[in-house]
Amino acid sequence: MTKLTCFKAYDIRGRLGEELNEDIAWRIGRAYGEYLKP
């Protein structure tokens, strides 16, 4: 698994393409969608 260095104490930030890429963004969106699912 990729080391997720883009997660900070209160936000998500990182260099696009290095610390924050399309795969990580998709996984964050997927997890958020699962969290909101009734």
PDB file of N, CA and C in Angstrom:
ATOM      1  N   MET A   1       0.836  -1.182   0.000  1.00  0.00           N
ATOM      2  CA  MET A   1       0.000   0.000   0.000  1.00  0.00           C
ATOM      3  C   MET A   1       0.877   1.240   0.000  1.00  0.00           C
ATOM      4  N   THR A   2       0.386   2.272  -0.632  1.00  0.00           N
ATOM      5  CA  THR A   2       1.090   3.541  -0.713  1.00  0.00           C
ATOM      6  C   THR A   2       1.100   4.232   0.640  1.00  0.00           C
ATOM      7  N   LYS A   3       2.242   4.805   1.004  1.00  0.00           N
ATOM      8  CA  LYS A   3       2.317   5.580   2.241  1.00  0.00           C
ATOM      9  C   LYS A   3       1.559   6.883   2.024  1.00  0.00           C
ATOM     10  N   LEU A   4       0.584   7.153   2.877  1.00  0.00           N
ATOM     11  CA  LEU A   4      -0.281   8.309   2.700  1.00  0.00           C
ATOM     12  C   LEU A   4       0.259   9.505   3.475  1.00  0.00           C
ATOM     13  N   THR A   5       1.224  10.189   2.894  1.00  0.00           N
ATOM     14  CA  THR A   5       1.827  11.354   3.537  1.00  0.00           C
ATOM     15  C   THR A   5       0.994  12.607   3.343  1.00  0.00           C
ATOM     16  N   CYS A   6      -0.079  12.531   2.566  1.00  0.00           N
ATOM     17  CA  CYS A   6      -0.897  13.710   2.283  1.00  0.00           C
ATOM     18  C   CYS A   6      -1.860  14.037   3.417  1.00  0.00           C
ATOM     19  N   PHE A   7      -2.029  13.138   4.381  1.00  0.00           N
ATOM     20  CA  PHE A   7      -2.936  13.393   5.494  1.00  0.00           C
ATOM     21  C   PHE A   7      -2.209  14.133   6.604  1.00  0.00           C
ATOM     22  N   LYS A   8      -2.737  15.297   6.954  1.00  0.00           N
ATOM     23  CA  LYS A   8      -2.201  16.101   8.045  1.00  0.00           C
ATOM     24  C   LYS A   8      -3.202  16.060   9.199  1.00  0.00           C
ATOM     25  N   ALA A   9      -2.914  16.760  10.276  1.00  0.00           N
ATOM     26  CA  ALA A   9      -3.776  16.722  11.459  1.00  0.00           C
ATOM     27  C   ALA A   9      -5.209  17.165  11.159  1.00  0.00           C
ATOM     28  N   TYR A  10      -5.365  18.210  10.374  1.00  0.00           N
ATOM     29  CA  TYR A  10      -6.696  18.762  10.152  1.00  0.00           C
ATOM     30  C   TYR A  10      -7.092  18.884   8.688  1.00  0.00           C
ATOM     31  N   ASP A  11      -6.288  18.381   7.776  1.00  0.00           N
ATOM     32  CA  ASP A  11      -6.630  18.498   6.368  1.00  0.00           C
ATOM     33  C   ASP A  11      -5.851  17.489   5.532  1.00  0.00           C
ATOM     34  N   ILE A  12      -6.089  17.554   4.242  1.00  0.00           N
ATOM     35  CA  ILE A  12      -5.378  16.711   3.286  1.00  0.00           C
ATOM     36  C   ILE A  12      -4.658  17.645   2.332  1.00  0.00           C
ATOM     37  N   ARG A  13      -3.354  17.505   2.227  1.00  0.00           N
ATOM     38  CA  ARG A  13      -2.593  18.339   1.295  1.00  0.00           C
ATOM     39  C   ARG A  13      -1.356  17.578   0.848  1.00  0.00           C
ATOM     40  N   GLY A  14      -0.880  17.927  -0.306  1.00  0.00           N
ATOM     41  CA  GLY A  14       0.314  17.294  -0.837  1.00  0.00           C
ATOM     42  C   GLY A  14       0.583  17.760  -2.250  1.00  0.00           C
ATOM     43  N   ARG A  15       1.729  17.370  -2.760  1.00  0.00           N
ATOM     44  CA  ARG A  15       2.089  17.723  -4.133  1.00  0.00           C
ATOM     45  C   ARG A  15       1.339  16.817  -5.091  1.00  0.00           C
ATOM     46  N   LEU A  16       0.626  17.451  -6.015  1.00  0.00           N
ATOM     47  CA  LEU A  16      -0.156  16.715  -6.992  1.00  0.00           C
ATOM     48  C   LEU A  16       0.767  15.864  -7.854  1.00  0.00           C
ATOM     49  N   GLY A  17       0.432  14.596  -7.955  1.00  0.00           N
ATOM     50  CA  GLY A  17       1.232  13.673  -8.748  1.00  0.00           C
ATOM     51  C   GLY A  17       2.278  12.936  -7.934  1.00  0.00           C
ATOM     52  N   GLU A  18       2.609  13.445  -6.768  1.00  0.00           N
ATOM     53  CA  GLU A  18       3.590  12.788  -5.903  1.00  0.00           C
ATOM     54  C   GLU A  18       2.908  12.244  -4.650  1.00  0.00           C
ATOM     55  N   GLU A  19       2.469  13.133  -3.773  1.00  0.00           N
ATOM     56  CA  GLU A  19       1.841  12.724  -2.523  1.00  0.00           C
ATOM     57  C   GLU A  19       0.335  12.551  -2.670  1.00  0.00           C
ATOM     58  N   LEU A  20      -0.246  13.241  -3.629  1.00  0.00           N
ATOM     59  CA  LEU A  20      -1.679  13.162  -3.883  1.00  0.00           C
ATOM     60  C   LEU A  20      -1.873  12.887  -5.369  1.00  0.00           C
ATOM     61  N   ASN A  21      -2.352  11.687  -5.673  1.00  0.00           N
ATOM     62  CA  ASN A  21      -2.530  11.325  -7.076  1.00  0.00           C
ATOM     63  C   ASN A  21      -3.965  10.856  -7.326  1.00  0.00           C
ATOM     64  N   GLU A  22      -4.250  10.479  -8.538  1.00  0.00           N
ATOM     65  CA  GLU A  22      -5.601  10.084  -8.924  1.00  0.00           C
ATOM     66  C   GLU A  22      -6.093   8.894  -8.110  1.00  0.00           C
ATOM     67  N   ASP A  23      -5.243   7.927  -7.853  1.00  0.00           N
ATOM     68  CA  ASP A  23      -5.635   6.741  -7.093  1.00  0.00           C
ATOM     69  C   ASP A  23      -6.026   7.109  -5.664  1.00  0.00           C
ATOM     70  N   ILE A  24      -5.235   7.928  -5.017  1.00  0.00           N
ATOM     71  CA  ILE A  24      -5.538   8.328  -3.642  1.00  0.00           C
ATOM     72  C   ILE A  24      -6.823   9.151  -3.604  1.00  0.00           C
ATOM     73  N   ALA A  25      -6.999  10.067  -4.556  1.00  0.00           N
ATOM     74  CA  ALA A  25      -8.219  10.876  -4.612  1.00  0.00           C
ATOM     75  C   ALA A  25      -9.442   9.986  -4.803  1.00  0.00           C
ATOM     76  N   TRP A  26      -9.337   8.976  -5.639  1.00  0.00           N
ATOM     77  CA  TRP A  26     -10.450   8.049  -5.863  1.00  0.00           C
ATOM     78  C   TRP A  26     -10.769   7.289  -4.581  1.00  0.00           C
ATOM     79  N   ARG A  27      -9.746   6.829  -3.888  1.00  0.00           N
ATOM     80  CA  ARG A  27      -9.955   6.080  -2.640  1.00  0.00           C
ATOM     81  C   ARG A  27     -10.589   6.947  -1.556  1.00  0.00           C
ATOM     82  N   ILE A  28     -10.179   8.206  -1.459  1.00  0.00           N
ATOM     83  CA  ILE A  28     -10.777   9.123  -0.486  1.00  0.00           C
ATOM     84  C   ILE A  28     -12.255   9.325  -0.814  1.00  0.00           C
ATOM     85  N   GLY A  29     -12.563   9.562  -2.083  1.00  0.00           N
ATOM     86  CA  GLY A  29     -13.953   9.736  -2.501  1.00  0.00           C
ATOM     87  C   GLY A  29     -14.788   8.497  -2.257  1.00  0.00           C
ATOM     88  N   ARG A  30     -14.235   7.353  -2.533  1.00  0.00           N
ATOM     89  CA  ARG A  30     -14.942   6.086  -2.318  1.00  0.00           C
ATOM     90  C   ARG A  30     -15.230   5.864  -0.832  1.00  0.00           C
ATOM     91  N   ALA A  31     -14.246   6.108   0.014  1.00  0.00           N
ATOM     92  CA  ALA A  31     -14.427   5.943   1.457  1.00  0.00           C
ATOM     93  C   ALA A  31     -15.467   6.924   1.990  1.00  0.00           C
ATOM     94  N   TYR A  32     -15.437   8.162   1.502  1.00  0.00           N
ATOM     95  CA  TYR A  32     -16.407   9.164   1.936  1.00  0.00           C
ATOM     96  C   TYR A  32     -17.817   8.752   1.521  1.00  0.00           C
ATOM     97  N   GLY A  33     -17.951   8.232   0.317  1.00  0.00           N
ATOM     98  CA  GLY A  33     -19.245   7.749  -0.147  1.00  0.00           C
ATOM     99  C   GLY A  33     -19.760   6.593   0.694  1.00  0.00           C
ATOM    100  N   GLU A  34     -18.891   5.691   1.078  1.00  0.00           N
ATOM    101  CA  GLU A  34     -19.278   4.573   1.943  1.00  0.00           C
ATOM    102  C   GLU A  34     -19.688   5.072   3.324  1.00  0.00           C
ATOM    103  N   TYR A  35     -18.995   6.091   3.818  1.00  0.00           N
ATOM    104  CA  TYR A  35     -19.303   6.667   5.123  1.00  0.00           C
ATOM    105  C   TYR A  35     -20.692   7.305   5.120  1.00  0.00           C
ATOM    106  N   LEU A  36     -21.059   7.956   4.016  1.00  0.00           N
ATOM    107  CA  LEU A  36     -22.351   8.632   3.922  1.00  0.00           C
ATOM    108  C   LEU A  36     -23.501   7.702   3.569  1.00  0.00           C
ATOM    109  N   LYS A  37     -23.193   6.499   3.149  1.00  0.00           N
ATOM    110  CA  LYS A  37     -24.231   5.557   2.741  1.00  0.00           C
ATOM    111  C   LYS A  37     -25.163   5.261   3.923  1.00  0.00           C
ATOM    112  N   PRO A  38     -26.491   5.338   3.691  1.00  0.00           N
ATOM    113  CA  PRO A  38     -27.438   5.083   4.808  1.00  0.00           C
ATOM    114  C   PRO A  38     -27.430   3.648   5.273  1.00  0.00           C
TER     115      PRO A  38
END
